[in-house]
Amino acid sequence: MARETKKQVGLNMRAALYEDLAKLAKDNGQTTTYVLEQAVEHYIQFIAPTQGVVRPEIMAHVRRSVEKNRKLLQLLAQ
């Protein structure tokens, strides 16, 4: 099996959050890197996809507002 390519990153996080992370990793016999990788994978798979979705009622409001203010928007664009 080929070894995965790794990329070293540096980050700043709240000290208390890091301490919680380090304790969690130690308590589970894992490294902090492993726990961070798992958290990032979870975020990418489950959280990020929902962040770009705008609720339909909000988009309907935006469309109504754009239509209502179309002339003003055209004047501002000139």
PDB file of N, CA and C in Angstrom:
ATOM      1  N   MET A   1       0.838  -1.181   0.000  1.00  0.00           N
ATOM      2  CA  MET A   1       0.000   0.000   0.000  1.00  0.00           C
ATOM      3  C   MET A   1       0.882   1.243   0.000  1.00  0.00           C
ATOM      4  N   ALA A   2       0.586   2.182  -0.894  1.00  0.00           N
ATOM      5  CA  ALA A   2       1.376   3.396  -0.996  1.00  0.00           C
ATOM      6  C   ALA A   2       1.132   4.297   0.203  1.00  0.00           C
ATOM      7  N   ARG A   3       2.169   4.952   0.590  1.00  0.00           N
ATOM      8  CA  ARG A   3       2.066   5.866   1.737  1.00  0.00           C
ATOM      9  C   ARG A   3       1.377   7.152   1.289  1.00  0.00           C
ATOM     10  N   GLU A   4       0.468   7.644   2.121  1.00  0.00           N
ATOM     11  CA  GLU A   4      -0.249   8.868   1.799  1.00  0.00           C
ATOM     12  C   GLU A   4       0.687  10.069   1.875  1.00  0.00           C
ATOM     13  N   THR A   5       0.495  11.005   0.954  1.00  0.00           N
ATOM     14  CA  THR A   5       1.243  12.247   1.002  1.00  0.00           C
ATOM     15  C   THR A   5       0.681  13.098   2.128  1.00  0.00           C
ATOM     16  N   LYS A   6       1.559  13.692   2.877  1.00  0.00           N
ATOM     17  CA  LYS A   6       1.145  14.544   3.989  1.00  0.00           C
ATOM     18  C   LYS A   6       1.539  15.981   3.701  1.00  0.00           C
ATOM     19  N   LYS A   7       0.809  16.895   4.272  1.00  0.00           N
ATOM     20  CA  LYS A   7       1.094  18.321   4.161  1.00  0.00           C
ATOM     21  C   LYS A   7       1.149  18.883   5.565  1.00  0.00           C
ATOM     22  N   GLN A   8       2.253  19.510   5.917  1.00  0.00           N
ATOM     23  CA  GLN A   8       2.381  20.072   7.258  1.00  0.00           C
ATOM     24  C   GLN A   8       1.710  21.441   7.280  1.00  0.00           C
ATOM     25  N   VAL A   9       0.897  21.654   8.294  1.00  0.00           N
ATOM     26  CA  VAL A   9       0.208  22.938   8.441  1.00  0.00           C
ATOM     27  C   VAL A   9       0.454  23.479   9.848  1.00  0.00           C
ATOM     28  N   GLY A  10       0.383  24.760   9.960  1.00  0.00           N
ATOM     29  CA  GLY A  10       0.475  25.394  11.268  1.00  0.00           C
ATOM     30  C   GLY A  10      -0.837  26.108  11.529  1.00  0.00           C
ATOM     31  N   LEU A  11      -1.263  26.108  12.759  1.00  0.00           N
ATOM     32  CA  LEU A  11      -2.495  26.809  13.068  1.00  0.00           C
ATOM     33  C   LEU A  11      -2.428  27.376  14.462  1.00  0.00           C
ATOM     34  N   ASN A  12      -3.242  28.365  14.669  1.00  0.00           N
ATOM     35  CA  ASN A  12      -3.396  28.942  16.001  1.00  0.00           C
ATOM     36  C   ASN A  12      -4.807  28.631  16.455  1.00  0.00           C
ATOM     37  N   MET A  13      -4.912  28.120  17.661  1.00  0.00           N
ATOM     38  CA  MET A  13      -6.238  27.875  18.225  1.00  0.00           C
ATOM     39  C   MET A  13      -6.211  28.279  19.682  1.00  0.00           C
ATOM     40  N   ARG A  14      -7.387  28.493  20.217  1.00  0.00           N
ATOM     41  CA  ARG A  14      -7.495  28.855  21.627  1.00  0.00           C
ATOM     42  C   ARG A  14      -6.807  27.784  22.475  1.00  0.00           C
ATOM     43  N   ALA A  15      -6.083  28.229  23.480  1.00  0.00           N
ATOM     44  CA  ALA A  15      -5.340  27.298  24.335  1.00  0.00           C
ATOM     45  C   ALA A  15      -6.268  26.296  25.004  1.00  0.00           C
ATOM     46  N   ALA A  16      -7.401  26.752  25.488  1.00  0.00           N
ATOM     47  CA  ALA A  16      -8.339  25.847  26.163  1.00  0.00           C
ATOM     48  C   ALA A  16      -8.861  24.790  25.196  1.00  0.00           C
ATOM     49  N   LEU A  17      -9.113  25.185  23.958  1.00  0.00           N
ATOM     50  CA  LEU A  17      -9.591  24.228  22.957  1.00  0.00           C
ATOM     51  C   LEU A  17      -8.512  23.193  22.652  1.00  0.00           C
ATOM     52  N   TYR A  18      -7.262  23.650  22.537  1.00  0.00           N
ATOM     53  CA  TYR A  18      -6.170  22.711  22.297  1.00  0.00           C
ATOM     54  C   TYR A  18      -6.011  21.744  23.464  1.00  0.00           C
ATOM     55  N   GLU A  19      -6.135  22.253  24.669  1.00  0.00           N
ATOM     56  CA  GLU A  19      -6.019  21.378  25.841  1.00  0.00           C
ATOM     57  C   GLU A  19      -7.116  20.311  25.825  1.00  0.00           C
ATOM     58  N   ASP A  20      -8.334  20.697  25.472  1.00  0.00           N
ATOM     59  CA  ASP A  20      -9.427  19.721  25.355  1.00  0.00           C
ATOM     60  C   ASP A  20      -9.113  18.688  24.277  1.00  0.00           C
ATOM     61  N   LEU A  21      -8.593  19.157  23.160  1.00  0.00           N
ATOM     62  CA  LEU A  21      -8.231  18.273  22.051  1.00  0.00           C
ATOM     63  C   LEU A  21      -7.147  17.285  22.479  1.00  0.00           C
ATOM     64  N   ALA A  22      -6.104  17.798  23.118  1.00  0.00           N
ATOM     65  CA  ALA A  22      -4.989  16.950  23.543  1.00  0.00           C
ATOM     66  C   ALA A  22      -5.449  15.912  24.573  1.00  0.00           C
ATOM     67  N   LYS A  23      -6.312  16.333  25.493  1.00  0.00           N
ATOM     68  CA  LYS A  23      -6.821  15.391  26.499  1.00  0.00           C
ATOM     69  C   LYS A  23      -7.666  14.307  25.846  1.00  0.00           C
ATOM     70  N   LEU A  24      -8.536  14.703  24.934  1.00  0.00           N
ATOM     71  CA  LEU A  24      -9.374  13.738  24.222  1.00  0.00           C
ATOM     72  C   LEU A  24      -8.512  12.723  23.475  1.00  0.00           C
ATOM     73  N   ALA A  25      -7.507  13.220  22.766  1.00  0.00           N
ATOM     74  CA  ALA A  25      -6.625  12.332  22.019  1.00  0.00           C
ATOM     75  C   ALA A  25      -5.903  11.364  22.970  1.00  0.00           C
ATOM     76  N   LYS A  26      -5.350  11.895  24.043  1.00  0.00           N
ATOM     77  CA  LYS A  26      -4.613  11.057  24.997  1.00  0.00           C
ATOM     78  C   LYS A  26      -5.526  10.005  25.627  1.00  0.00           C
ATOM     79  N   ASP A  27      -6.728  10.434  26.032  1.00  0.00           N
ATOM     80  CA  ASP A  27      -7.671   9.513  26.670  1.00  0.00           C
ATOM     81  C   ASP A  27      -8.071   8.367  25.739  1.00  0.00           C
ATOM     82  N   ASN A  28      -8.051   8.628  24.437  1.00  0.00           N
ATOM     83  CA  ASN A  28      -8.438   7.608  23.460  1.00  0.00           C
ATOM     84  C   ASN A  28      -7.237   6.917  22.815  1.00  0.00           C
ATOM     85  N   GLY A  29      -6.044   7.224  23.312  1.00  0.00           N
ATOM     86  CA  GLY A  29      -4.839   6.594  22.774  1.00  0.00           C
ATOM     87  C   GLY A  29      -4.545   7.019  21.344  1.00  0.00           C
ATOM     88  N   GLN A  30      -4.899   8.253  21.020  1.00  0.00           N
ATOM     89  CA  GLN A  30      -4.696   8.770  19.669  1.00  0.00           C
ATOM     90  C   GLN A  30      -3.777   9.983  19.721  1.00  0.00           C
ATOM     91  N   THR A  31      -3.289  10.383  18.557  1.00  0.00           N
ATOM     92  CA  THR A  31      -2.493  11.601  18.491  1.00  0.00           C
ATOM     93  C   THR A  31      -3.421  12.784  18.227  1.00  0.00           C
ATOM     94  N   THR A  32      -2.943  13.963  18.567  1.00  0.00           N
ATOM     95  CA  THR A  32      -3.746  15.159  18.271  1.00  0.00           C
ATOM     96  C   THR A  32      -3.917  15.318  16.764  1.00  0.00           C
ATOM     97  N   THR A  33      -2.908  14.945  16.001  1.00  0.00           N
ATOM     98  CA  THR A  33      -3.010  15.022  14.548  1.00  0.00           C
ATOM     99  C   THR A  33      -4.140  14.149  14.033  1.00  0.00           C
ATOM    100  N   TYR A  34      -4.225  12.935  14.553  1.00  0.00           N
ATOM    101  CA  TYR A  34      -5.284  12.031  14.119  1.00  0.00           C
ATOM    102  C   TYR A  34      -6.668  12.609  14.442  1.00  0.00           C
ATOM    103  N   VAL A  35      -6.828  13.124  15.650  1.00  0.00           N
ATOM    104  CA  VAL A  35      -8.124  13.681  16.042  1.00  0.00           C
ATOM    105  C   VAL A  35      -8.468  14.883  15.168  1.00  0.00           C
ATOM    106  N   LEU A  36      -7.493  15.738  14.888  1.00  0.00           N
ATOM    107  CA  LEU A  36      -7.735  16.884  14.004  1.00  0.00           C
ATOM    108  C   LEU A  36      -8.107  16.436  12.595  1.00  0.00           C
ATOM    109  N   GLU A  37      -7.407  15.423  12.080  1.00  0.00           N
ATOM    110  CA  GLU A  37      -7.739  14.907  10.747  1.00  0.00           C
ATOM    111  C   GLU A  37      -9.172  14.386  10.701  1.00  0.00           C
ATOM    112  N   GLN A  38      -9.570  13.661  11.747  1.00  0.00           N
ATOM    113  CA  GLN A  38     -10.935  13.145  11.801  1.00  0.00           C
ATOM    114  C   GLN A  38     -11.950  14.286  11.857  1.00  0.00           C
ATOM    115  N   ALA A  39     -11.646  15.314  12.628  1.00  0.00           N
ATOM    116  CA  ALA A  39     -12.549  16.462  12.743  1.00  0.00           C
ATOM    117  C   ALA A  39     -12.679  17.190  11.405  1.00  0.00           C
ATOM    118  N   VAL A  40     -11.575  17.364  10.709  1.00  0.00           N
ATOM    119  CA  VAL A  40     -11.606  18.045   9.407  1.00  0.00           C
ATOM    120  C   VAL A  40     -12.369  17.207   8.389  1.00  0.00           C
ATOM    121  N   GLU A  41     -12.134  15.903   8.370  1.00  0.00           N
ATOM    122  CA  GLU A  41     -12.880  15.038   7.452  1.00  0.00           C
ATOM    123  C   GLU A  41     -14.376  15.118   7.722  1.00  0.00           C
ATOM    124  N   HIS A  42     -14.759  15.110   8.991  1.00  0.00           N
ATOM    125  CA  HIS A  42     -16.171  15.221   9.349  1.00  0.00           C
ATOM    126  C   HIS A  42     -16.735  16.564   8.876  1.00  0.00           C
ATOM    127  N   TYR A  43     -15.989  17.626   9.095  1.00  0.00           N
ATOM    128  CA  TYR A  43     -16.437  18.958   8.687  1.00  0.00           C
ATOM    129  C   TYR A  43     -16.635  19.015   7.170  1.00  0.00           C
ATOM    130  N   ILE A  44     -15.665  18.514   6.423  1.00  0.00           N
ATOM    131  CA  ILE A  44     -15.747  18.541   4.962  1.00  0.00           C
ATOM    132  C   ILE A  44     -16.920  17.704   4.461  1.00  0.00           C
ATOM    133  N   GLN A  45     -17.132  16.548   5.057  1.00  0.00           N
ATOM    134  CA  GLN A  45     -18.175  15.638   4.583  1.00  0.00           C
ATOM    135  C   GLN A  45     -19.580  16.059   5.002  1.00  0.00           C
ATOM    136  N   PHE A  46     -19.738  16.526   6.232  1.00  0.00           N
ATOM    137  CA  PHE A  46     -21.086  16.746   6.748  1.00  0.00           C
ATOM    138  C   PHE A  46     -21.466  18.208   6.990  1.00  0.00           C
ATOM    139  N   ILE A  47     -20.536  19.031   7.385  1.00  0.00           N
ATOM    140  CA  ILE A  47     -20.867  20.404   7.767  1.00  0.00           C
ATOM    141  C   ILE A  47     -20.761  21.364   6.587  1.00  0.00           C
ATOM    142  N   ALA A  48     -19.638  21.352   5.902  1.00  0.00           N
ATOM    143  CA  ALA A  48     -19.410  22.306   4.816  1.00  0.00           C
ATOM    144  C   ALA A  48     -20.483  22.262   3.729  1.00  0.00           C
ATOM    145  N   PRO A  49     -20.940  21.090   3.309  1.00  0.00           N
ATOM    146  CA  PRO A  49     -21.962  21.085   2.253  1.00  0.00           C
ATOM    147  C   PRO A  49     -23.239  21.827   2.634  1.00  0.00           C
ATOM    148  N   THR A  50     -23.556  21.891   3.907  1.00  0.00           N
ATOM    149  CA  THR A  50     -24.782  22.571   4.317  1.00  0.00           C
ATOM    150  C   THR A  50     -24.590  24.068   4.471  1.00  0.00           C
ATOM    151  N   GLN A  51     -23.350  24.528   4.503  1.00  0.00           N
ATOM    152  CA  GLN A  51     -23.093  25.942   4.724  1.00  0.00           C
ATOM    153  C   GLN A  51     -23.398  26.796   3.489  1.00  0.00           C
ATOM    154  N   GLY A  52     -23.319  26.197   2.305  1.00  0.00           N
ATOM    155  CA  GLY A  52     -23.550  26.956   1.076  1.00  0.00           C
ATOM    156  C   GLY A  52     -24.998  26.951   0.641  1.00  0.00           C
ATOM    157  N   VAL A  53     -25.841  26.282   1.358  1.00  0.00           N
ATOM    158  CA  VAL A  53     -27.238  26.170   0.982  1.00  0.00           C
ATOM    159  C   VAL A  53     -28.021  27.306   1.627  1.00  0.00           C
ATOM    160  N   VAL A  54     -28.713  28.054   0.775  1.00  0.00           N
ATOM    161  CA  VAL A  54     -29.529  29.148   1.274  1.00  0.00           C
ATOM    162  C   VAL A  54     -30.968  28.662   1.343  1.00  0.00           C
ATOM    163  N   ARG A  55     -31.619  28.948   2.447  1.00  0.00           N
ATOM    164  CA  ARG A  55     -33.005  28.528   2.608  1.00  0.00           C
ATOM    165  C   ARG A  55     -33.865  29.115   1.492  1.00  0.00           C
ATOM    166  N   PRO A  56     -34.791  28.333   0.958  1.00  0.00           N
ATOM    167  CA  PRO A  56     -35.623  28.784  -0.156  1.00  0.00           C
ATOM    168  C   PRO A  56     -36.373  30.082   0.126  1.00  0.00           C
ATOM    169  N   GLU A  57     -36.858  30.254   1.344  1.00  0.00           N
ATOM    170  CA  GLU A  57     -37.599  31.483   1.648  1.00  0.00           C
ATOM    171  C   GLU A  57     -36.707  32.717   1.601  1.00  0.00           C
ATOM    172  N   ILE A  58     -35.428  32.541   1.919  1.00  0.00           N
ATOM    173  CA  ILE A  58     -34.477  33.654   1.834  1.00  0.00           C
ATOM    174  C   ILE A  58     -34.219  34.000   0.374  1.00  0.00           C
ATOM    175  N   MET A  59     -34.017  32.966  -0.459  1.00  0.00           N
ATOM    176  CA  MET A  59     -33.788  33.222  -1.888  1.00  0.00           C
ATOM    177  C   MET A  59     -35.011  33.875  -2.525  1.00  0.00           C
ATOM    178  N   ALA A  60     -36.215  33.487  -2.132  1.00  0.00           N
ATOM    179  CA  ALA A  60     -37.428  34.105  -2.664  1.00  0.00           C
ATOM    180  C   ALA A  60     -37.458  35.585  -2.305  1.00  0.00           C
ATOM    181  N   HIS A  61     -37.081  35.902  -1.084  1.00  0.00           N
ATOM    182  CA  HIS A  61     -37.037  37.298  -0.656  1.00  0.00           C
ATOM    183  C   HIS A  61     -36.005  38.081  -1.469  1.00  0.00           C
ATOM    184  N   VAL A  62     -34.838  37.495  -1.684  1.00  0.00           N
ATOM    185  CA  VAL A  62     -33.790  38.158  -2.467  1.00  0.00           C
ATOM    186  C   VAL A  62     -34.285  38.421  -3.885  1.00  0.00           C
ATOM    187  N   ARG A  63     -34.911  37.432  -4.498  1.00  0.00           N
ATOM    188  CA  ARG A  63     -35.419  37.615  -5.865  1.00  0.00           C
ATOM    189  C   ARG A  63     -36.457  38.732  -5.925  1.00  0.00           C
ATOM    190  N   ARG A  64     -37.379  38.763  -4.961  1.00  0.00           N
ATOM    191  CA  ARG A  64     -38.387  39.835  -4.919  1.00  0.00           C
ATOM    192  C   ARG A  64     -37.718  41.198  -4.759  1.00  0.00           C
ATOM    193  N   SER A  65     -36.723  41.269  -3.905  1.00  0.00           N
ATOM    194  CA  SER A  65     -36.031  42.520  -3.660  1.00  0.00           C
ATOM    195  C   SER A  65     -35.283  42.989  -4.904  1.00  0.00           C
ATOM    196  N   VAL A  66     -34.619  42.073  -5.589  1.00  0.00           N
ATOM    197  CA  VAL A  66     -33.893  42.427  -6.809  1.00  0.00           C
ATOM    198  C   VAL A  66     -34.870  42.924  -7.871  1.00  0.00           C
ATOM    199  N   GLU A  67     -35.970  42.220  -8.028  1.00  0.00           N
ATOM    200  CA  GLU A  67     -36.961  42.623  -9.025  1.00  0.00           C
ATOM    201  C   GLU A  67     -37.542  43.998  -8.675  1.00  0.00           C
ATOM    202  N   LYS A  68     -37.848  44.189  -7.432  1.00  0.00           N
ATOM    203  CA  LYS A  68     -38.426  45.463  -6.978  1.00  0.00           C
ATOM    204  C   LYS A  68     -37.456  46.625  -7.198  1.00  0.00           C
ATOM    205  N   ASN A  69     -36.171  46.363  -7.028  1.00  0.00           N
ATOM    206  CA  ASN A  69     -35.164  47.425  -7.106  1.00  0.00           C
ATOM    207  C   ASN A  69     -34.325  47.365  -8.380  1.00  0.00           C
ATOM    208  N   ARG A  70     -34.825  46.686  -9.413  1.00  0.00           N
ATOM    209  CA  ARG A  70     -34.056  46.497 -10.647  1.00  0.00           C
ATOM    210  C   ARG A  70     -33.608  47.826 -11.254  1.00  0.00           C
ATOM    211  N   LYS A  71     -34.498  48.805 -11.368  1.00  0.00           N
ATOM    212  CA  LYS A  71     -34.142  50.085 -11.980  1.00  0.00           C
ATOM    213  C   LYS A  71     -33.034  50.763 -11.174  1.00  0.00           C
ATOM    214  N   LEU A  72     -33.174  50.775  -9.854  1.00  0.00           N
ATOM    215  CA  LEU A  72     -32.151  51.368  -9.009  1.00  0.00           C
ATOM    216  C   LEU A  72     -30.809  50.649  -9.188  1.00  0.00           C
ATOM    217  N   LEU A  73     -30.844  49.335  -9.241  1.00  0.00           N
ATOM    218  CA  LEU A  73     -29.609  48.567  -9.439  1.00  0.00           C
ATOM    219  C   LEU A  73     -28.964  48.894 -10.779  1.00  0.00           C
ATOM    220  N   GLN A  74     -29.767  49.080 -11.818  1.00  0.00           N
ATOM    221  CA  GLN A  74     -29.231  49.435 -13.136  1.00  0.00           C
ATOM    222  C   GLN A  74     -28.606  50.822 -13.104  1.00  0.00           C
ATOM    223  N   LEU A  75     -29.259  51.763 -12.431  1.00  0.00           N
ATOM    224  CA  LEU A  75     -28.691  53.113 -12.313  1.00  0.00           C
ATOM    225  C   LEU A  75     -27.386  53.083 -11.534  1.00  0.00           C
ATOM    226  N   LEU A  76     -27.347  52.316 -10.478  1.00  0.00           N
ATOM    227  CA  LEU A  76     -26.115  52.216  -9.694  1.00  0.00           C
ATOM    228  C   LEU A  76     -24.987  51.551 -10.462  1.00  0.00           C
ATOM    229  N   ALA A  77     -25.328  50.661 -11.362  1.00  0.00           N
ATOM    230  CA  ALA A  77     -24.312  49.945 -12.139  1.00  0.00           C
ATOM    231  C   ALA A  77     -23.650  50.861 -13.171  1.00  0.00           C
ATOM    232  N   GLN A  78     -24.304  51.961 -13.531  1.00  0.00           N
ATOM    233  CA  GLN A  78     -23.737  52.866 -14.563  1.00  0.00           C
ATOM    234  C   GLN A  78     -22.630  53.721 -14.027  1.00  0.00           C
TER     235      GLN A  78
END
